[in-house]
Amino acid sequence: MIDLNATLLAQIINFFILLFLLTKLAWKPLLAALAERQARITNNLESAERDRVAAEQMKADYQNQMQQAKSDALAIVDKAMKLAEETKTEIIASAREEHARLLAAAQEQIARERQQALEDIRSEIVVLSLAAATKVIGQSVDEKVNARLVDEFISKLDDQKQGGLPC
């Protein structure tokens, strides 16, 4: 049988009292501190993960904004190039129209001046012809008859080309 001695019994009782006191005073606060530390670490890890996800989202948003800005810039440049091309085309068309208008006006002016010169020459021919006819005949011929004869002659010259040149 086991011999129980008072010292052994006191040691067993002291052990259980110490175990009870350690459980109440040290073990529970130690477990609480460990649980708190574990919760804090878990919370920090979750926060870091949320921050990482947020940073990735911000990076994706930034890249999307950069891509959109590049697209917008290219669209603006393309629009400016098209506008410049349209303006160039309009300026060229306007210059061609102005050139055609000026050319037509110059041709009309030349035709008017040519016609005026021909009329002046005809008048001068009539006067000179009358003077020559008067000298050749030696007497004055009726001016109306002379004018009619000269006009008929000039009309015939208009109908025909003398020497390949128009009269």
N, C-alpha and C. Protein backbone atom coordinates (compact mmCIF):
# COMPACT_ATOMS: atom_id res chain seq x y z
N MET A 1 0.80 -1.15 0.00
CA MET A 1 0.00 0.00 0.00
C MET A 1 0.85 1.23 0.00
N ILE A 2 0.21 2.28 -0.28
CA ILE A 2 0.99 3.49 -0.42
C ILE A 2 1.00 4.17 0.92
N ASP A 3 2.08 4.55 1.21
CA ASP A 3 2.27 5.23 2.48
C ASP A 3 2.11 6.72 2.25
N LEU A 4 1.17 7.28 2.89
CA LEU A 4 0.92 8.70 2.70
C LEU A 4 1.59 9.44 3.82
N ASN A 5 2.35 10.23 3.43
CA ASN A 5 2.99 11.00 4.46
C ASN A 5 2.56 12.44 4.31
N ALA A 6 2.65 13.19 5.31
CA ALA A 6 2.11 14.54 5.35
C ALA A 6 2.85 15.46 4.39
N THR A 7 4.06 15.25 4.16
CA THR A 7 4.82 16.09 3.26
C THR A 7 4.34 15.87 1.82
N LEU A 8 4.10 14.64 1.49
CA LEU A 8 3.64 14.35 0.15
C LEU A 8 2.27 14.96 -0.05
N LEU A 9 1.45 14.82 0.95
CA LEU A 9 0.11 15.39 0.87
C LEU A 9 0.18 16.91 0.79
N ALA A 10 1.05 17.56 1.50
CA ALA A 10 1.20 19.01 1.46
C ALA A 10 1.74 19.44 0.09
N GLN A 11 2.62 18.66 -0.47
CA GLN A 11 3.15 18.99 -1.78
C GLN A 11 2.07 18.86 -2.86
N ILE A 12 1.24 17.82 -2.74
CA ILE A 12 0.16 17.64 -3.71
C ILE A 12 -0.82 18.80 -3.59
N ILE A 13 -1.17 19.18 -2.37
CA ILE A 13 -2.10 20.29 -2.16
C ILE A 13 -1.45 21.58 -2.66
N ASN A 14 -0.21 21.80 -2.38
CA ASN A 14 0.50 23.00 -2.86
C ASN A 14 0.54 23.04 -4.39
N PHE A 15 0.76 21.85 -4.98
CA PHE A 15 0.80 21.77 -6.43
C PHE A 15 -0.53 22.19 -7.03
N PHE A 16 -1.63 21.68 -6.48
CA PHE A 16 -2.95 22.03 -7.02
C PHE A 16 -3.29 23.49 -6.76
N ILE A 17 -2.91 24.02 -5.61
CA ILE A 17 -3.16 25.43 -5.32
C ILE A 17 -2.34 26.29 -6.29
N LEU A 18 -1.07 25.91 -6.49
CA LEU A 18 -0.22 26.64 -7.41
C LEU A 18 -0.77 26.54 -8.84
N LEU A 19 -1.24 25.35 -9.17
CA LEU A 19 -1.83 25.15 -10.50
C LEU A 19 -3.07 26.02 -10.65
N PHE A 20 -3.91 26.09 -9.63
CA PHE A 20 -5.11 26.92 -9.65
C PHE A 20 -4.74 28.39 -9.77
N LEU A 21 -3.78 28.84 -8.96
CA LEU A 21 -3.36 30.23 -8.99
C LEU A 21 -2.72 30.59 -10.34
N LEU A 22 -1.88 29.72 -10.84
CA LEU A 22 -1.25 29.98 -12.14
C LEU A 22 -2.31 30.03 -13.25
N THR A 23 -3.30 29.14 -13.15
CA THR A 23 -4.36 29.14 -14.15
C THR A 23 -5.13 30.45 -14.08
N LYS A 24 -5.46 30.90 -12.89
CA LYS A 24 -6.25 32.11 -12.73
C LYS A 24 -5.43 33.37 -13.01
N LEU A 25 -4.21 33.42 -12.53
CA LEU A 25 -3.44 34.64 -12.60
C LEU A 25 -2.52 34.72 -13.84
N ALA A 26 -1.97 33.64 -14.29
CA ALA A 26 -0.99 33.72 -15.36
C ALA A 26 -1.49 33.10 -16.67
N TRP A 27 -2.08 31.94 -16.56
CA TRP A 27 -2.43 31.21 -17.78
C TRP A 27 -3.50 31.93 -18.59
N LYS A 28 -4.58 32.35 -17.95
CA LYS A 28 -5.66 33.03 -18.66
C LYS A 28 -5.19 34.37 -19.25
N PRO A 29 -4.46 35.22 -18.50
CA PRO A 29 -3.95 36.45 -19.12
C PRO A 29 -2.96 36.15 -20.26
N LEU A 30 -2.16 35.09 -20.08
CA LEU A 30 -1.22 34.72 -21.12
C LEU A 30 -1.97 34.26 -22.38
N LEU A 31 -2.99 33.44 -22.19
CA LEU A 31 -3.81 33.00 -23.33
C LEU A 31 -4.55 34.19 -23.95
N ALA A 32 -5.04 35.10 -23.10
CA ALA A 32 -5.73 36.28 -23.62
C ALA A 32 -4.76 37.15 -24.43
N ALA A 33 -3.53 37.32 -23.93
CA ALA A 33 -2.53 38.12 -24.65
C ALA A 33 -2.18 37.45 -25.97
N LEU A 34 -2.03 36.12 -25.96
CA LEU A 34 -1.74 35.39 -27.20
C LEU A 34 -2.90 35.50 -28.19
N ALA A 35 -4.13 35.39 -27.67
CA ALA A 35 -5.30 35.51 -28.53
C ALA A 35 -5.39 36.92 -29.11
N GLU A 36 -5.12 37.90 -28.26
CA GLU A 36 -5.14 39.29 -28.73
C GLU A 36 -4.07 39.52 -29.79
N ARG A 37 -2.89 38.96 -29.55
CA ARG A 37 -1.79 39.10 -30.51
C ARG A 37 -2.15 38.40 -31.83
N GLN A 38 -2.73 37.22 -31.72
CA GLN A 38 -3.13 36.49 -32.92
C GLN A 38 -4.21 37.27 -33.69
N ALA A 39 -5.16 37.85 -32.96
CA ALA A 39 -6.21 38.65 -33.60
C ALA A 39 -5.60 39.88 -34.27
N ARG A 40 -4.65 40.52 -33.60
CA ARG A 40 -4.00 41.70 -34.17
C ARG A 40 -3.22 41.32 -35.43
N ILE A 41 -2.50 40.21 -35.39
CA ILE A 41 -1.75 39.76 -36.57
C ILE A 41 -2.71 39.42 -37.71
N THR A 42 -3.79 38.71 -37.38
CA THR A 42 -4.79 38.37 -38.40
C THR A 42 -5.40 39.64 -38.99
N ASN A 43 -5.72 40.58 -38.11
CA ASN A 43 -6.28 41.85 -38.56
C ASN A 43 -5.29 42.60 -39.46
N ASN A 44 -4.02 42.62 -39.06
CA ASN A 44 -2.99 43.28 -39.87
C ASN A 44 -2.84 42.60 -41.23
N LEU A 45 -2.89 41.27 -41.25
CA LEU A 45 -2.80 40.54 -42.52
C LEU A 45 -4.00 40.85 -43.41
N GLU A 46 -5.18 40.87 -42.80
CA GLU A 46 -6.39 41.19 -43.58
C GLU A 46 -6.32 42.63 -44.10
N SER A 47 -5.85 43.54 -43.26
CA SER A 47 -5.71 44.93 -43.67
C SER A 47 -4.69 45.06 -44.80
N ALA A 48 -3.59 44.34 -44.67
CA ALA A 48 -2.57 44.37 -45.73
C ALA A 48 -3.14 43.80 -47.03
N GLU A 49 -3.92 42.74 -46.94
CA GLU A 49 -4.54 42.16 -48.13
C GLU A 49 -5.53 43.14 -48.76
N ARG A 50 -6.33 43.80 -47.92
CA ARG A 50 -7.26 44.82 -48.44
C ARG A 50 -6.50 45.96 -49.10
N ASP A 51 -5.41 46.40 -48.46
CA ASP A 51 -4.59 47.47 -49.04
C ASP A 51 -3.97 47.03 -50.36
N ARG A 52 -3.53 45.77 -50.43
CA ARG A 52 -2.94 45.25 -51.67
C ARG A 52 -3.99 45.22 -52.78
N VAL A 53 -5.19 44.74 -52.45
CA VAL A 53 -6.27 44.69 -53.44
C VAL A 53 -6.63 46.11 -53.88
N ALA A 54 -6.70 47.03 -52.90
CA ALA A 54 -7.02 48.42 -53.24
C ALA A 54 -5.92 49.03 -54.12
N ALA A 55 -4.67 48.72 -53.80
CA ALA A 55 -3.56 49.24 -54.61
C ALA A 55 -3.61 48.67 -56.03
N GLU A 56 -3.93 47.38 -56.15
CA GLU A 56 -4.06 46.79 -57.48
C GLU A 56 -5.22 47.42 -58.25
N GLN A 57 -6.31 47.68 -57.54
CA GLN A 57 -7.46 48.33 -58.18
C GLN A 57 -7.09 49.75 -58.63
N MET A 58 -6.37 50.47 -57.76
CA MET A 58 -5.94 51.82 -58.12
C MET A 58 -4.99 51.78 -59.32
N LYS A 59 -4.11 50.78 -59.34
CA LYS A 59 -3.19 50.63 -60.46
C LYS A 59 -3.96 50.35 -61.74
N ALA A 60 -4.95 49.46 -61.67
CA ALA A 60 -5.77 49.16 -62.85
C ALA A 60 -6.54 50.40 -63.30
N ASP A 61 -7.10 51.14 -62.33
CA ASP A 61 -7.81 52.38 -62.67
C ASP A 61 -6.87 53.39 -63.32
N TYR A 62 -5.68 53.51 -62.78
CA TYR A 62 -4.68 54.43 -63.33
C TYR A 62 -4.32 54.03 -64.76
N GLN A 63 -4.10 52.73 -64.96
CA GLN A 63 -3.77 52.26 -66.31
C GLN A 63 -4.93 52.51 -67.27
N ASN A 64 -6.16 52.30 -66.80
CA ASN A 64 -7.33 52.58 -67.64
C ASN A 64 -7.41 54.07 -67.98
N GLN A 65 -7.16 54.91 -66.97
CA GLN A 65 -7.18 56.35 -67.21
C GLN A 65 -6.08 56.76 -68.19
N MET A 66 -4.92 56.18 -68.05
CA MET A 66 -3.82 56.48 -68.97
C MET A 66 -4.18 56.04 -70.39
N GLN A 67 -4.76 54.84 -70.51
CA GLN A 67 -5.17 54.36 -71.83
C GLN A 67 -6.24 55.27 -72.42
N GLN A 68 -7.20 55.68 -71.58
CA GLN A 68 -8.25 56.58 -72.05
C GLN A 68 -7.66 57.92 -72.47
N ALA A 69 -6.70 58.42 -71.69
CA ALA A 69 -6.05 59.69 -72.04
C ALA A 69 -5.30 59.57 -73.36
N LYS A 70 -4.62 58.44 -73.57
CA LYS A 70 -3.93 58.23 -74.84
C LYS A 70 -4.93 58.18 -75.99
N SER A 71 -6.03 57.46 -75.78
CA SER A 71 -7.06 57.38 -76.82
C SER A 71 -7.63 58.75 -77.13
N ASP A 72 -7.91 59.51 -76.07
CA ASP A 72 -8.45 60.87 -76.27
C ASP A 72 -7.45 61.75 -77.01
N ALA A 73 -6.19 61.64 -76.64
CA ALA A 73 -5.16 62.45 -77.30
C ALA A 73 -5.05 62.07 -78.78
N LEU A 74 -5.08 60.77 -79.07
CA LEU A 74 -5.03 60.34 -80.47
C LEU A 74 -6.26 60.82 -81.23
N ALA A 75 -7.42 60.78 -80.57
CA ALA A 75 -8.65 61.25 -81.23
C ALA A 75 -8.56 62.74 -81.51
N ILE A 76 -8.02 63.50 -80.57
CA ILE A 76 -7.88 64.95 -80.76
C ILE A 76 -6.91 65.24 -81.91
N VAL A 77 -5.79 64.52 -81.93
CA VAL A 77 -4.82 64.72 -83.01
C VAL A 77 -5.43 64.34 -84.35
N ASP A 78 -6.16 63.21 -84.38
CA ASP A 78 -6.81 62.78 -85.62
C ASP A 78 -7.83 63.80 -86.09
N LYS A 79 -8.60 64.32 -85.15
CA LYS A 79 -9.60 65.33 -85.49
C LYS A 79 -8.93 66.60 -86.03
N ALA A 80 -7.83 67.00 -85.38
CA ALA A 80 -7.10 68.19 -85.84
C ALA A 80 -6.52 67.97 -87.24
N MET A 81 -6.02 66.76 -87.50
CA MET A 81 -5.48 66.46 -88.83
C MET A 81 -6.59 66.51 -89.88
N LYS A 82 -7.75 65.95 -89.56
CA LYS A 82 -8.87 65.98 -90.51
C LYS A 82 -9.32 67.42 -90.76
N LEU A 83 -9.39 68.21 -89.69
CA LEU A 83 -9.79 69.61 -89.83
C LEU A 83 -8.77 70.37 -90.68
N ALA A 84 -7.50 70.11 -90.45
CA ALA A 84 -6.45 70.77 -91.24
C ALA A 84 -6.56 70.37 -92.71
N GLU A 85 -6.84 69.09 -92.96
CA GLU A 85 -6.98 68.62 -94.35
C GLU A 85 -8.20 69.27 -95.00
N GLU A 86 -9.31 69.36 -94.25
CA GLU A 86 -10.51 70.00 -94.79
C GLU A 86 -10.23 71.48 -95.09
N THR A 87 -9.55 72.14 -94.17
CA THR A 87 -9.22 73.56 -94.36
C THR A 87 -8.32 73.72 -95.58
N LYS A 88 -7.35 72.84 -95.72
CA LYS A 88 -6.45 72.89 -96.87
C LYS A 88 -7.24 72.72 -98.16
N THR A 89 -8.15 71.75 -98.16
CA THR A 89 -8.96 71.50 -99.36
C THR A 89 -9.83 72.71 -99.68
N GLU A 90 -10.42 73.31 -98.66
CA GLU A 90 -11.25 74.49 -98.87
C GLU A 90 -10.43 75.66 -99.42
N ILE A 91 -9.23 75.84 -98.87
CA ILE A 91 -8.36 76.94 -99.33
C ILE A 91 -7.96 76.71 -100.79
N ILE A 92 -7.62 75.47 -101.12
CA ILE A 92 -7.22 75.17 -102.50
C ILE A 92 -8.40 75.38 -103.44
N ALA A 93 -9.59 74.91 -103.03
CA ALA A 93 -10.78 75.09 -103.88
C ALA A 93 -11.08 76.58 -104.05
N SER A 94 -10.97 77.33 -102.97
CA SER A 94 -11.22 78.78 -103.05
C SER A 94 -10.20 79.45 -103.97
N ALA A 95 -8.95 79.04 -103.87
CA ALA A 95 -7.92 79.62 -104.73
C ALA A 95 -8.18 79.28 -106.19
N ARG A 96 -8.62 78.05 -106.45
CA ARG A 96 -8.92 77.67 -107.83
C ARG A 96 -10.11 78.46 -108.37
N GLU A 97 -11.14 78.62 -107.53
CA GLU A 97 -12.29 79.42 -107.96
C GLU A 97 -11.88 80.86 -108.25
N GLU A 98 -11.05 81.42 -107.37
CA GLU A 98 -10.58 82.80 -107.56
C GLU A 98 -9.75 82.89 -108.84
N HIS A 99 -8.90 81.89 -109.08
CA HIS A 99 -8.09 81.86 -110.29
C HIS A 99 -8.99 81.81 -111.52
N ALA A 100 -10.00 80.93 -111.49
CA ALA A 100 -10.91 80.82 -112.64
C ALA A 100 -11.67 82.12 -112.85
N ARG A 101 -12.10 82.73 -111.75
CA ARG A 101 -12.83 84.00 -111.86
C ARG A 101 -11.95 85.09 -112.45
N LEU A 102 -10.72 85.20 -111.94
CA LEU A 102 -9.79 86.21 -112.46
C LEU A 102 -9.44 85.95 -113.92
N LEU A 103 -9.26 84.67 -114.28
CA LEU A 103 -8.96 84.33 -115.67
C LEU A 103 -10.12 84.69 -116.58
N ALA A 104 -11.35 84.38 -116.15
CA ALA A 104 -12.53 84.71 -116.96
C ALA A 104 -12.66 86.23 -117.09
N ALA A 105 -12.43 86.94 -116.00
CA ALA A 105 -12.53 88.40 -116.05
C ALA A 105 -11.46 88.97 -116.99
N ALA A 106 -10.25 88.42 -116.94
CA ALA A 106 -9.18 88.90 -117.82
C ALA A 106 -9.52 88.60 -119.28
N GLN A 107 -10.06 87.40 -119.53
CA GLN A 107 -10.43 87.06 -120.91
C GLN A 107 -11.55 87.97 -121.41
N GLU A 108 -12.51 88.25 -120.55
CA GLU A 108 -13.59 89.17 -120.94
C GLU A 108 -13.03 90.56 -121.23
N GLN A 109 -12.12 91.02 -120.39
CA GLN A 109 -11.50 92.33 -120.59
C GLN A 109 -10.72 92.37 -121.90
N ILE A 110 -9.98 91.28 -122.17
CA ILE A 110 -9.23 91.22 -123.43
C ILE A 110 -10.18 91.24 -124.62
N ALA A 111 -11.28 90.48 -124.53
CA ALA A 111 -12.25 90.45 -125.63
C ALA A 111 -12.86 91.83 -125.84
N ARG A 112 -13.21 92.51 -124.74
CA ARG A 112 -13.77 93.86 -124.86
C ARG A 112 -12.77 94.81 -125.50
N GLU A 113 -11.54 94.77 -125.04
CA GLU A 113 -10.51 95.66 -125.58
C GLU A 113 -10.23 95.34 -127.05
N ARG A 114 -10.24 94.05 -127.40
CA ARG A 114 -10.04 93.65 -128.80
C ARG A 114 -11.17 94.19 -129.66
N GLN A 115 -12.39 94.02 -129.16
CA GLN A 115 -13.55 94.52 -129.91
C GLN A 115 -13.48 96.03 -130.06
N GLN A 116 -13.10 96.71 -128.99
CA GLN A 116 -12.97 98.16 -129.05
C GLN A 116 -11.89 98.57 -130.05
N ALA A 117 -10.77 97.83 -130.03
CA ALA A 117 -9.68 98.13 -130.97
C ALA A 117 -10.14 97.92 -132.40
N LEU A 118 -10.90 96.83 -132.64
CA LEU A 118 -11.42 96.58 -133.98
C LEU A 118 -12.37 97.69 -134.42
N GLU A 119 -13.21 98.13 -133.52
CA GLU A 119 -14.14 99.21 -133.86
C GLU A 119 -13.38 100.51 -134.14
N ASP A 120 -12.34 100.77 -133.34
CA ASP A 120 -11.53 101.96 -133.57
C ASP A 120 -10.82 101.88 -134.93
N ILE A 121 -10.31 100.69 -135.24
CA ILE A 121 -9.62 100.51 -136.53
C ILE A 121 -10.61 100.69 -137.67
N ARG A 122 -11.81 100.14 -137.54
CA ARG A 122 -12.82 100.28 -138.59
C ARG A 122 -13.17 101.76 -138.81
N SER A 123 -13.33 102.46 -137.71
CA SER A 123 -13.64 103.89 -137.84
C SER A 123 -12.51 104.61 -138.55
N GLU A 124 -11.30 104.29 -138.16
CA GLU A 124 -10.13 104.92 -138.78
C GLU A 124 -10.03 104.54 -140.25
N ILE A 125 -10.34 103.29 -140.57
CA ILE A 125 -10.31 102.85 -141.98
C ILE A 125 -11.35 103.61 -142.79
N VAL A 126 -12.53 103.79 -142.21
CA VAL A 126 -13.58 104.53 -142.92
C VAL A 126 -13.10 105.94 -143.23
N VAL A 127 -12.54 106.59 -142.23
CA VAL A 127 -12.07 107.97 -142.42
C VAL A 127 -10.96 108.01 -143.45
N LEU A 128 -10.00 107.09 -143.32
CA LEU A 128 -8.87 107.08 -144.26
C LEU A 128 -9.34 106.71 -145.67
N SER A 129 -10.27 105.77 -145.76
CA SER A 129 -10.79 105.36 -147.07
C SER A 129 -11.50 106.51 -147.75
N LEU A 130 -12.30 107.23 -146.97
CA LEU A 130 -12.99 108.39 -147.54
C LEU A 130 -12.00 109.44 -148.02
N ALA A 131 -10.97 109.65 -147.22
CA ALA A 131 -9.96 110.64 -147.60
C ALA A 131 -9.23 110.19 -148.86
N ALA A 132 -8.89 108.89 -148.91
CA ALA A 132 -8.19 108.37 -150.08
C ALA A 132 -9.08 108.41 -151.30
N ALA A 133 -10.34 108.04 -151.15
CA ALA A 133 -11.27 108.04 -152.28
C ALA A 133 -11.47 109.45 -152.79
N THR A 134 -11.55 110.39 -151.88
CA THR A 134 -11.73 111.78 -152.27
C THR A 134 -10.52 112.26 -153.05
N LYS A 135 -9.33 111.90 -152.64
CA LYS A 135 -8.12 112.32 -153.35
C LYS A 135 -8.03 111.64 -154.70
N VAL A 136 -8.38 110.36 -154.75
CA VAL A 136 -8.27 109.61 -156.01
C VAL A 136 -9.30 110.14 -157.00
N ILE A 137 -10.47 110.31 -156.58
CA ILE A 137 -11.54 110.76 -157.47
C ILE A 137 -11.37 112.25 -157.74
N GLY A 138 -10.88 112.94 -156.80
CA GLY A 138 -10.67 114.36 -156.99
C GLY A 138 -11.89 115.16 -156.61
N GLN A 139 -12.87 114.55 -156.19
CA GLN A 139 -14.06 115.28 -155.78
C GLN A 139 -14.69 114.57 -154.59
N SER A 140 -15.55 115.24 -153.95
CA SER A 140 -16.18 114.69 -152.76
C SER A 140 -17.34 113.81 -153.17
N VAL A 141 -17.38 112.67 -152.63
CA VAL A 141 -18.46 111.73 -152.90
C VAL A 141 -19.41 111.82 -151.72
N ASP A 142 -20.61 111.47 -151.96
CA ASP A 142 -21.61 111.54 -150.88
C ASP A 142 -21.11 110.72 -149.69
N GLU A 143 -21.12 111.33 -148.52
CA GLU A 143 -20.60 110.66 -147.32
C GLU A 143 -21.38 109.41 -146.99
N LYS A 144 -22.68 109.43 -147.19
CA LYS A 144 -23.49 108.26 -146.87
C LYS A 144 -23.14 107.11 -147.79
N VAL A 145 -22.96 107.40 -149.04
CA VAL A 145 -22.60 106.36 -150.01
C VAL A 145 -21.23 105.81 -149.67
N ASN A 146 -20.28 106.71 -149.39
CA ASN A 146 -18.93 106.27 -149.03
C ASN A 146 -18.95 105.41 -147.76
N ALA A 147 -19.67 105.84 -146.77
CA ALA A 147 -19.74 105.09 -145.52
C ALA A 147 -20.33 103.71 -145.76
N ARG A 148 -21.39 103.66 -146.63
CA ARG A 148 -22.02 102.38 -146.93
C ARG A 148 -21.04 101.48 -147.66
N LEU A 149 -20.32 101.98 -148.62
CA LEU A 149 -19.35 101.18 -149.38
C LEU A 149 -18.24 100.66 -148.47
N VAL A 150 -17.73 101.51 -147.61
CA VAL A 150 -16.66 101.09 -146.69
C VAL A 150 -17.19 100.03 -145.73
N ASP A 151 -18.38 100.22 -145.21
CA ASP A 151 -18.96 99.23 -144.30
C ASP A 151 -19.14 97.89 -144.99
N GLU A 152 -19.59 97.90 -146.24
CA GLU A 152 -19.75 96.65 -146.99
C GLU A 152 -18.40 95.97 -147.17
N PHE A 153 -17.39 96.75 -147.51
CA PHE A 153 -16.05 96.19 -147.70
C PHE A 153 -15.53 95.56 -146.40
N ILE A 154 -15.74 96.27 -145.31
CA ILE A 154 -15.27 95.77 -144.01
C ILE A 154 -16.05 94.52 -143.62
N SER A 155 -17.34 94.48 -143.92
CA SER A 155 -18.14 93.30 -143.63
C SER A 155 -17.62 92.11 -144.41
N LYS A 156 -17.27 92.33 -145.68
CA LYS A 156 -16.71 91.24 -146.48
C LYS A 156 -15.39 90.78 -145.88
N LEU A 157 -14.61 91.72 -145.38
CA LEU A 157 -13.35 91.35 -144.75
C LEU A 157 -13.59 90.54 -143.47
N ASP A 158 -14.64 90.89 -142.74
CA ASP A 158 -14.97 90.14 -141.53
C ASP A 158 -15.37 88.72 -141.89
N ASP A 159 -16.08 88.57 -143.02
CA ASP A 159 -16.53 87.24 -143.42
C ASP A 159 -15.37 86.38 -143.91
N GLN A 160 -14.37 86.99 -144.47
CA GLN A 160 -13.21 86.26 -144.98
C GLN A 160 -12.01 86.64 -144.13
N LYS A 161 -11.06 85.77 -144.17
CA LYS A 161 -9.82 86.10 -143.47
C LYS A 161 -8.81 86.48 -144.52
N GLN A 162 -8.26 87.62 -144.36
CA GLN A 162 -7.27 88.12 -145.31
C GLN A 162 -5.88 87.73 -144.81
N GLY A 163 -5.21 86.88 -145.54
CA GLY A 163 -3.85 86.49 -145.17
C GLY A 163 -3.83 85.63 -143.92
N GLY A 164 -4.92 84.94 -143.61
CA GLY A 164 -4.98 84.08 -142.43
C GLY A 164 -5.16 84.84 -141.15
N LEU A 165 -5.32 86.14 -141.22
CA LEU A 165 -5.50 86.95 -140.01
C LEU A 165 -6.90 87.51 -139.99
N PRO A 166 -7.54 87.51 -138.83
CA PRO A 166 -8.87 88.10 -138.77
C PRO A 166 -8.76 89.61 -138.83
N CYS A 167 -9.76 90.22 -139.39
CA CYS A 167 -9.78 91.67 -139.47
C CYS A 167 -10.45 92.22 -138.25
